[in-house]
Protein backbone atom coordinates (compact mmCIF):
# COMPACT_ATOMS: atom_id res chain seq x y z
CA MET A 1 -10.39 -17.66 18.87
CA ALA A 2 -7.60 -15.19 18.33
CA SER A 3 -4.50 -14.58 20.34
CA ASN A 4 -3.08 -11.22 21.40
CA ASN A 5 -1.22 -10.88 18.08
CA GLY A 6 -4.06 -12.15 15.91
CA THR A 7 -2.85 -15.75 15.68
CA PHE A 8 -5.60 -18.31 15.40
CA LEU A 9 -5.05 -20.72 18.27
CA GLN A 10 -7.24 -23.56 17.08
CA SER A 11 -4.75 -26.11 18.39
CA LEU A 12 -5.46 -24.99 21.95
CA GLY A 13 -9.19 -25.47 21.47
CA SER A 14 -8.47 -28.98 20.20
CA LEU A 15 -6.26 -29.67 23.21
CA GLN A 16 -9.15 -28.69 25.46
CA LEU A 17 -11.41 -31.01 23.48
CA LEU A 18 -8.93 -33.87 24.03
CA ALA A 19 -8.90 -33.05 27.75
CA VAL A 20 -12.71 -33.22 27.81
CA ILE A 21 -12.72 -36.53 25.90
CA ALA A 22 -10.17 -37.92 28.38
CA VAL A 23 -12.53 -36.99 31.23
CA VAL A 24 -15.47 -38.65 29.46
CA LEU A 25 -13.45 -41.83 28.88
CA GLY A 26 -12.29 -41.77 32.47
CA HIS A 27 -15.82 -41.48 33.81
CA PHE A 28 -17.23 -44.44 31.89
CA TRP A 29 -14.63 -46.55 30.11
CA LEU A 30 -11.25 -46.61 31.86
CA ASP A 31 -10.15 -48.05 35.19
CA ASP A 32 -7.91 -46.16 37.61
CA SER A 33 -8.65 -42.87 35.87
CA VAL A 34 -9.17 -40.50 38.81
CA PHE A 35 -5.88 -38.69 38.21
CA MET A 36 -6.48 -38.48 34.45
CA ASN A 37 -9.92 -36.96 35.06
CA SER A 38 -8.44 -34.41 37.46
CA VAL A 39 -5.72 -33.45 34.99
CA GLY A 40 -8.27 -32.97 32.21
CA VAL A 41 -10.45 -30.75 34.40
CA SER A 42 -7.46 -28.73 35.63
CA PHE A 43 -6.32 -28.24 32.03
CA CYS A 44 -9.71 -26.71 31.20
CA PHE A 45 -9.46 -24.29 34.14
CA VAL A 46 -5.95 -23.19 33.12
CA TYR A 47 -7.15 -22.84 29.53
CA SER A 48 -10.06 -20.67 30.72
CA GLY A 49 -7.69 -18.41 32.64
CA PHE A 50 -5.45 -17.98 29.60
CA PHE A 51 -8.23 -17.05 27.21
CA THR A 52 -10.09 -14.88 29.70
CA ALA A 53 -6.95 -12.78 30.15
CA MET A 54 -6.36 -12.72 26.39
CA ARG A 55 -9.86 -11.71 25.32
CA HIS A 56 -10.70 -9.41 28.22
CA PRO A 57 -7.90 -7.04 29.24
CA PHE A 58 -9.96 -5.55 32.14
CA SER A 59 -8.50 -2.06 31.70
CA SER A 60 -8.11 0.44 34.53
CA ASP A 61 -11.51 2.02 33.78
CA TYR A 62 -13.28 -1.35 33.83
CA GLY A 63 -16.20 -0.98 36.23
CA VAL A 64 -19.21 -2.75 37.71
CA ARG A 65 -21.37 -2.11 34.65
CA ASP A 66 -18.66 -3.52 32.37
CA HIS A 67 -18.40 -6.63 34.53
CA ALA A 68 -22.16 -7.09 34.55
CA HIS A 69 -22.00 -7.00 30.74
CA PHE A 70 -19.17 -9.55 30.82
CA MET A 71 -21.02 -11.91 33.18
CA ARG A 72 -24.22 -11.58 31.18
CA GLY A 73 -22.38 -12.84 28.11
CA LYS A 74 -21.00 -15.83 30.00
CA LEU A 75 -24.43 -16.63 31.42
CA ALA A 76 -26.08 -16.37 28.02
CA LYS A 77 -23.64 -18.88 26.59
CA LEU A 78 -23.38 -21.45 29.40
CA TYR A 79 -26.39 -21.22 31.71
CA PRO A 80 -29.01 -22.50 29.23
CA LEU A 81 -26.70 -25.42 28.38
CA HIS A 82 -26.17 -26.11 32.08
CA MET A 83 -29.91 -26.29 32.78
CA PHE A 84 -30.56 -28.39 29.67
CA ALA A 85 -27.90 -30.87 30.86
CA VAL A 86 -29.57 -31.02 34.28
CA ALA A 87 -32.94 -31.74 32.65
CA LEU A 88 -31.37 -34.42 30.45
CA GLY A 89 -29.78 -35.97 33.53
CA LEU A 90 -33.14 -36.08 35.30
CA LEU A 91 -34.72 -37.80 32.30
CA ALA A 92 -31.88 -40.33 32.07
CA MET A 93 -32.10 -41.13 35.79
CA TRP A 94 -35.85 -41.62 35.63
CA LEU A 95 -35.69 -43.92 32.60
CA SER A 96 -32.62 -45.90 33.69
CA TRP A 97 -33.29 -46.68 37.34
CA GLY A 98 -36.26 -44.59 38.43
CA GLY A 99 -34.03 -42.21 40.35
CA ALA A 100 -35.15 -38.85 41.66
CA VAL A 101 -33.41 -35.70 42.90
CA GLY A 102 -34.58 -33.55 45.78
CA TRP A 103 -35.76 -29.99 45.18
CA LYS A 104 -32.94 -28.58 47.30
CA SER A 105 -30.34 -30.19 45.03
CA LEU A 106 -32.13 -28.87 41.93
CA LEU A 107 -32.26 -25.40 43.48
CA ALA A 108 -28.52 -25.57 44.14
CA HIS A 109 -27.95 -26.49 40.48
CA ALA A 110 -30.23 -23.70 39.27
CA THR A 111 -28.50 -21.08 41.42
CA LEU A 112 -24.97 -22.31 40.61
CA THR A 113 -24.25 -22.97 44.28
CA SER A 114 -24.00 -26.78 44.32
CA SER A 115 -20.20 -26.84 44.54
CA TRP A 116 -20.30 -24.55 47.60
CA ILE A 117 -22.25 -27.11 49.67
CA PRO A 118 -20.05 -29.93 51.11
CA ILE A 119 -22.78 -32.56 50.80
CA PRO A 120 -22.57 -35.13 47.96
CA ALA A 121 -26.31 -35.00 47.24
CA TYR A 122 -25.96 -31.33 46.28
CA TYR A 123 -22.91 -31.36 44.06
CA PHE A 124 -23.82 -34.63 42.34
CA GLY A 125 -27.54 -34.08 41.87
CA ALA A 126 -28.95 -34.68 38.39
CA ASN A 127 -25.69 -33.90 36.59
CA PRO A 128 -22.51 -34.60 38.59
CA VAL A 129 -20.27 -32.57 36.27
CA ALA A 130 -22.39 -29.44 36.80
CA TRP A 131 -20.02 -28.44 39.61
CA PHE A 132 -17.57 -27.35 36.89
CA VAL A 133 -19.97 -24.64 35.71
CA CYS A 134 -20.49 -23.40 39.27
CA ASP A 135 -16.73 -23.06 39.70
CA LEU A 136 -16.28 -21.46 36.30
CA PHE A 137 -18.79 -18.70 37.01
CA PHE A 138 -17.07 -17.97 40.31
CA LEU A 139 -13.76 -17.69 38.46
CA TYR A 140 -15.33 -15.39 35.86
CA LEU A 141 -16.72 -13.28 38.68
CA MET A 142 -13.24 -13.01 40.19
CA ALA A 143 -11.44 -12.60 36.85
CA PRO A 144 -10.97 -8.79 36.89
CA LEU A 145 -9.48 -8.95 40.40
CA VAL A 146 -7.14 -11.81 39.48
CA VAL A 147 -5.99 -10.27 36.19
CA LYS A 148 -5.48 -6.78 37.63
CA ALA A 149 -3.72 -8.03 40.78
CA LEU A 150 -1.25 -10.12 38.78
CA ARG A 151 -0.63 -7.24 36.40
CA LEU A 152 0.72 -5.18 39.32
CA MET A 153 3.86 -7.33 39.58
CA PRO A 154 6.58 -8.27 37.07
CA VAL A 155 5.98 -11.48 35.13
CA MET A 156 8.87 -13.25 36.84
CA TRP A 157 7.34 -12.58 40.24
CA GLN A 158 3.96 -13.75 38.98
CA ALA A 159 5.55 -17.10 38.13
CA VAL A 160 7.25 -17.22 41.54
CA LEU A 161 3.94 -16.47 43.23
CA MET A 162 2.24 -19.34 41.39
CA LEU A 163 5.06 -21.69 42.44
CA VAL A 164 4.77 -20.61 46.08
CA LEU A 165 1.00 -21.13 46.03
CA LEU A 166 1.45 -24.59 44.52
CA VAL A 167 3.88 -25.51 47.30
CA LEU A 168 1.52 -24.17 49.98
CA GLU A 169 -1.39 -26.08 48.47
CA PHE A 170 0.71 -29.25 48.38
CA VAL A 171 1.57 -28.82 52.07
CA ALA A 172 -2.10 -28.21 52.91
CA GLY A 173 -3.11 -31.40 51.13
CA TYR A 174 -0.10 -33.54 52.08
CA ARG A 175 -0.67 -37.01 53.49
CA PRO A 176 2.21 -39.34 54.41
CA ASP A 177 0.45 -42.41 53.00
CA VAL A 178 -2.56 -43.08 50.81
CA ASP A 179 -4.79 -44.04 53.75
CA SER A 180 -4.16 -40.89 55.81
CA SER A 181 -5.92 -37.55 55.65
CA GLY A 182 -4.31 -34.36 54.37
CA LEU A 183 -3.50 -31.59 56.81
CA ILE A 184 -6.35 -29.39 55.53
CA LEU A 185 -7.51 -30.51 52.09
CA SER A 186 -8.78 -33.88 53.26
CA HIS A 187 -12.35 -33.95 51.98
CA PHE A 188 -13.55 -34.82 48.49
CA ALA A 189 -15.94 -31.85 48.53
CA LEU A 190 -12.95 -29.50 48.42
CA TYR A 191 -12.09 -30.87 44.98
CA GLN A 192 -15.11 -28.95 43.70
CA PHE A 193 -14.83 -25.96 46.07
CA PRO A 194 -14.56 -22.89 43.76
CA PRO A 195 -11.83 -20.89 45.61
CA ILE A 196 -9.52 -23.93 45.39
CA ARG A 197 -9.67 -23.53 41.59
CA LEU A 198 -8.35 -19.96 41.64
CA LEU A 199 -4.80 -21.30 41.42
CA ASP A 200 -5.55 -23.21 38.21
CA PHE A 201 -7.25 -20.18 36.67
CA ALA A 202 -4.52 -17.75 37.77
CA SER A 203 -1.86 -20.04 36.26
CA GLY A 204 -3.51 -19.55 32.88
CA VAL A 205 -3.51 -15.78 33.38
CA VAL A 206 0.20 -15.83 34.23
CA LEU A 207 0.88 -17.92 31.12
CA PHE A 208 -0.86 -15.32 28.97
CA ASN A 209 1.16 -12.52 30.62
CA ILE A 210 4.36 -14.41 29.83
CA THR A 211 3.37 -14.62 26.16
CA CYS A 212 3.18 -10.81 26.06
CA THR A 213 6.83 -10.35 27.08
CA GLY A 214 9.58 -9.41 24.64
CA ALA A 215 11.58 -12.55 25.44
CA TRP A 216 8.63 -14.75 24.49
CA GLN A 217 8.05 -12.86 21.25
CA ARG A 218 11.72 -13.07 20.28
CA LEU A 219 11.72 -16.81 20.92
CA LYS A 220 8.59 -17.15 18.81
CA GLU A 221 10.16 -15.24 15.91
CA ARG A 222 13.07 -17.69 15.80
CA LEU A 223 10.89 -20.74 15.35
CA THR A 224 10.61 -22.44 11.99
CA PRO A 225 8.01 -25.10 11.13
CA ARG A 226 10.65 -27.77 11.71
CA SER A 227 11.80 -26.43 15.07
CA ALA A 228 8.17 -25.94 16.11
CA THR A 229 7.45 -29.58 15.31
CA ILE A 230 10.48 -30.71 17.34
CA ALA A 231 9.36 -28.54 20.27
CA GLU A 232 5.86 -30.01 20.11
CA VAL A 233 7.11 -33.60 20.05
CA LEU A 234 9.47 -32.95 22.96
CA SER A 235 6.70 -31.25 24.94
CA ILE A 236 4.38 -34.21 24.44
CA VAL A 237 7.10 -36.61 25.61
CA LEU A 238 7.88 -34.36 28.60
CA PHE A 239 4.17 -34.06 29.38
CA LEU A 240 3.85 -37.85 29.51
CA ILE A 241 6.90 -38.16 31.77
CA LEU A 242 5.68 -35.42 34.13
CA TYR A 243 2.18 -36.91 34.08
CA ARG A 244 3.55 -40.30 35.13
CA ILE A 245 5.69 -38.77 37.88
CA GLY A 246 2.72 -36.74 39.10
CA LYS A 247 0.41 -39.76 39.12
CA ASP A 248 2.75 -42.32 40.66
CA VAL A 249 4.82 -40.19 43.03
CA ILE A 250 3.28 -36.81 43.91
CA HIS A 251 -0.45 -37.49 43.76
CA ALA A 252 -0.18 -40.41 46.15
CA HIS A 253 0.81 -37.91 48.84
CA CYS A 254 -1.30 -34.89 47.91
CA PHE A 255 -5.06 -34.53 47.81
CA ARG A 256 -5.10 -31.83 45.14
CA ALA A 257 -4.25 -33.29 41.74
CA TYR A 258 -3.28 -29.91 40.30
CA CYS A 259 -0.20 -29.84 42.51
CA ALA A 260 0.91 -33.05 40.82
CA SER A 261 -0.20 -32.21 37.27
CA ALA A 262 0.63 -28.48 36.99
CA PRO A 263 4.11 -28.98 35.44
CA ALA A 264 2.73 -31.33 32.79
CA ILE A 265 -0.19 -29.03 31.96
CA ILE A 266 1.91 -25.87 31.74
CA VAL A 267 4.57 -27.56 29.57
CA LEU A 268 1.99 -28.80 27.07
CA LEU A 269 -0.14 -25.66 26.96
CA SER A 270 2.74 -23.17 26.82
CA THR A 271 4.46 -25.09 24.01
CA PHE A 272 1.38 -25.09 21.81
CA VAL A 273 0.75 -21.42 22.55
CA LEU A 274 4.30 -20.80 21.33
CA THR A 275 4.21 -23.01 18.24
CA SER A 276 0.63 -22.64 16.96
CA SER A 277 1.52 -19.74 14.62
CA CYS A 278 4.69 -21.46 13.37
CA GLN A 279 2.99 -24.32 11.52
CA GLY A 280 4.29 -27.11 13.70
CA ALA A 281 3.11 -30.55 12.59
CA ALA A 282 1.18 -31.25 15.79
CA SER A 283 -0.51 -27.85 15.66
CA ARG A 284 -1.55 -28.50 12.08
CA ALA A 285 -2.93 -31.92 13.03
CA LEU A 286 -4.92 -30.39 15.88
CA SER A 287 -6.35 -27.77 13.52
CA VAL A 288 -7.91 -30.13 10.95
CA LYS A 289 -11.59 -29.54 10.28
CA PRO A 290 -13.05 -32.44 12.31
CA MET A 291 -11.11 -31.31 15.39
CA ALA A 292 -11.99 -27.66 14.78
CA TRP A 293 -15.65 -28.58 14.39
CA LEU A 294 -15.78 -30.63 17.59
CA SER A 295 -13.75 -28.13 19.62
CA ASN A 296 -16.60 -25.64 19.23
CA VAL A 297 -18.83 -27.96 21.24
CA SER A 298 -16.40 -28.94 24.02
CA SER A 299 -18.70 -27.49 26.68
CA GLU A 300 -21.64 -29.44 25.32
CA VAL A 301 -19.64 -32.68 25.24
CA TYR A 302 -18.57 -32.18 28.84
CA LEU A 303 -21.93 -31.18 30.30
CA LEU A 304 -24.10 -33.65 28.38
CA GLN A 305 -21.94 -36.73 28.96
CA PHE A 306 -23.91 -38.23 31.86
CA GLY A 307 -27.37 -37.63 30.47
CA VAL A 308 -26.45 -38.99 27.04
CA TYR A 309 -24.62 -42.00 28.44
CA PHE A 310 -27.49 -43.25 30.58
CA LEU A 311 -30.13 -42.49 27.95
CA VAL A 312 -28.17 -44.41 25.31
CA GLU A 313 -27.52 -47.20 27.82
CA PHE A 314 -31.27 -47.45 28.41
CA LEU A 315 -31.97 -47.63 24.66
CA CYS A 316 -29.14 -50.10 23.98
CA LYS A 317 -30.43 -52.46 26.67
CA ARG A 318 -33.84 -52.33 25.04
CA CYS A 319 -32.19 -53.26 21.73
CA GLY A 320 -30.10 -56.05 23.28
CA LEU A 321 -26.72 -54.44 22.52
CA ASP A 322 -23.99 -55.74 24.85
CA GLU A 323 -22.21 -52.89 26.62
CA HIS A 324 -18.92 -54.80 26.56
CA LEU A 325 -18.72 -54.80 22.76
CA LEU A 326 -16.99 -52.18 20.60
CA PRO A 327 -20.23 -51.20 18.77
CA TYR A 328 -21.70 -50.10 22.11
CA PHE A 329 -18.75 -47.76 22.70
CA MET A 330 -19.00 -46.39 19.16
CA VAL A 331 -22.74 -45.79 19.53
CA GLN A 332 -22.20 -43.99 22.82
CA MET A 333 -19.47 -41.67 21.51
CA SER A 334 -21.33 -40.99 18.26
CA CYS A 335 -24.51 -40.10 20.14
CA LEU A 336 -22.58 -37.80 22.46
CA ALA A 337 -20.96 -35.97 19.53
CA ALA A 338 -24.29 -35.69 17.70
CA ALA A 339 -26.14 -34.51 20.81
CA ALA A 340 -23.44 -31.93 21.52
CA TRP A 341 -23.56 -30.50 18.01
CA LEU A 342 -27.37 -30.47 17.78
CA THR A 343 -27.68 -28.84 21.20
CA HIS A 344 -25.15 -26.17 20.25
CA ARG A 345 -26.58 -25.56 16.79
CA TYR A 346 -30.27 -25.45 17.61
CA TYR A 347 -30.40 -24.44 21.26
CA VAL A 348 -27.27 -22.87 22.76
CA ALA A 349 -26.23 -20.59 19.89
CA PRO A 350 -29.70 -19.26 18.95
CA LEU A 351 -30.64 -18.66 22.58
CA ALA A 352 -27.34 -16.90 23.31
CA ARG A 353 -27.84 -14.62 20.30
CA TRP A 354 -31.34 -13.81 21.50
CA LEU A 355 -30.26 -13.14 25.09
CA PHE A 356 -27.09 -11.29 24.20
CA PRO A 357 -27.24 -10.11 20.56
CA SER A 358 -24.05 -8.04 20.78
CA ARG A 359 -21.97 -11.20 21.21
CA ALA A 360 -22.21 -13.76 18.41
CA VAL A 361 -21.88 -17.43 19.32
CA LYS A 362 -20.70 -19.66 16.50
């Protein structure tokens, strides 16, 4: 993945991978992880907005045919994986507890509409994390409008607009105590509702637009490897502080986790966008080959997590392996990594090249 000035931003791909791993750990292994899961998911939406704006400028002559070409490429890359994950989830449910999913829920998954229906049976279905793909395709569909609309105003006013929208969203989801309902955003289904995620996505677009300014470029030119390392360390420390404040103070009074986690996400992501070409120590660590290899299959790790977990659980029970022991955890994570790579290597990439040969998938 290349930035607007040709810089290889592998560290950002690795950060997304860490966000995905945090979500996986939160789903199965950690207690009190709802906020951590929400932060990881929001990070991925912001990341998608940043790279969509970077890779696809959506010029003034960009039309319907161009957007159909754009959406076809996204579908070729993600839709087969999405449906494979749904099938894997169905198999895991059937083997583990004899569960079944109604045809209406499967149809909602197949048509990428499950997150639009405020009924748990639809957006959970055979693969509960499939809602992310439904939201992502909506955001891709809206991407030209978002990118072009933001481009009409100065970067400073783009940032102000994002801040105002965050405040409005906080007010809409505000609840005076943890047992009360928010003013508007008071239902769990709205967590998955695609238009709610436009703010996350647009924040990434604004971040990219900021990186194109002269002030950003001048700041980048002044960085040395040492100063980049210091900036990265400070950003990680600040991220942890803002994360804790968001979790313990803000999120307790706001339904939407992004309102509480946005400062932490933007600090971390913007710092590594700034320092990745300056050889900061953290950027170098995030760019090592194992991380680079796994970051290519982040989507597979995220979408296959439930199917792999329950299939491995079924097999481990048959083998008498105690789920409370460390070997069980290692087997689970190893199987997820292996399944993600094999699925990408022998299914996702070849099928995407066949469906959309003009766009190579590594």
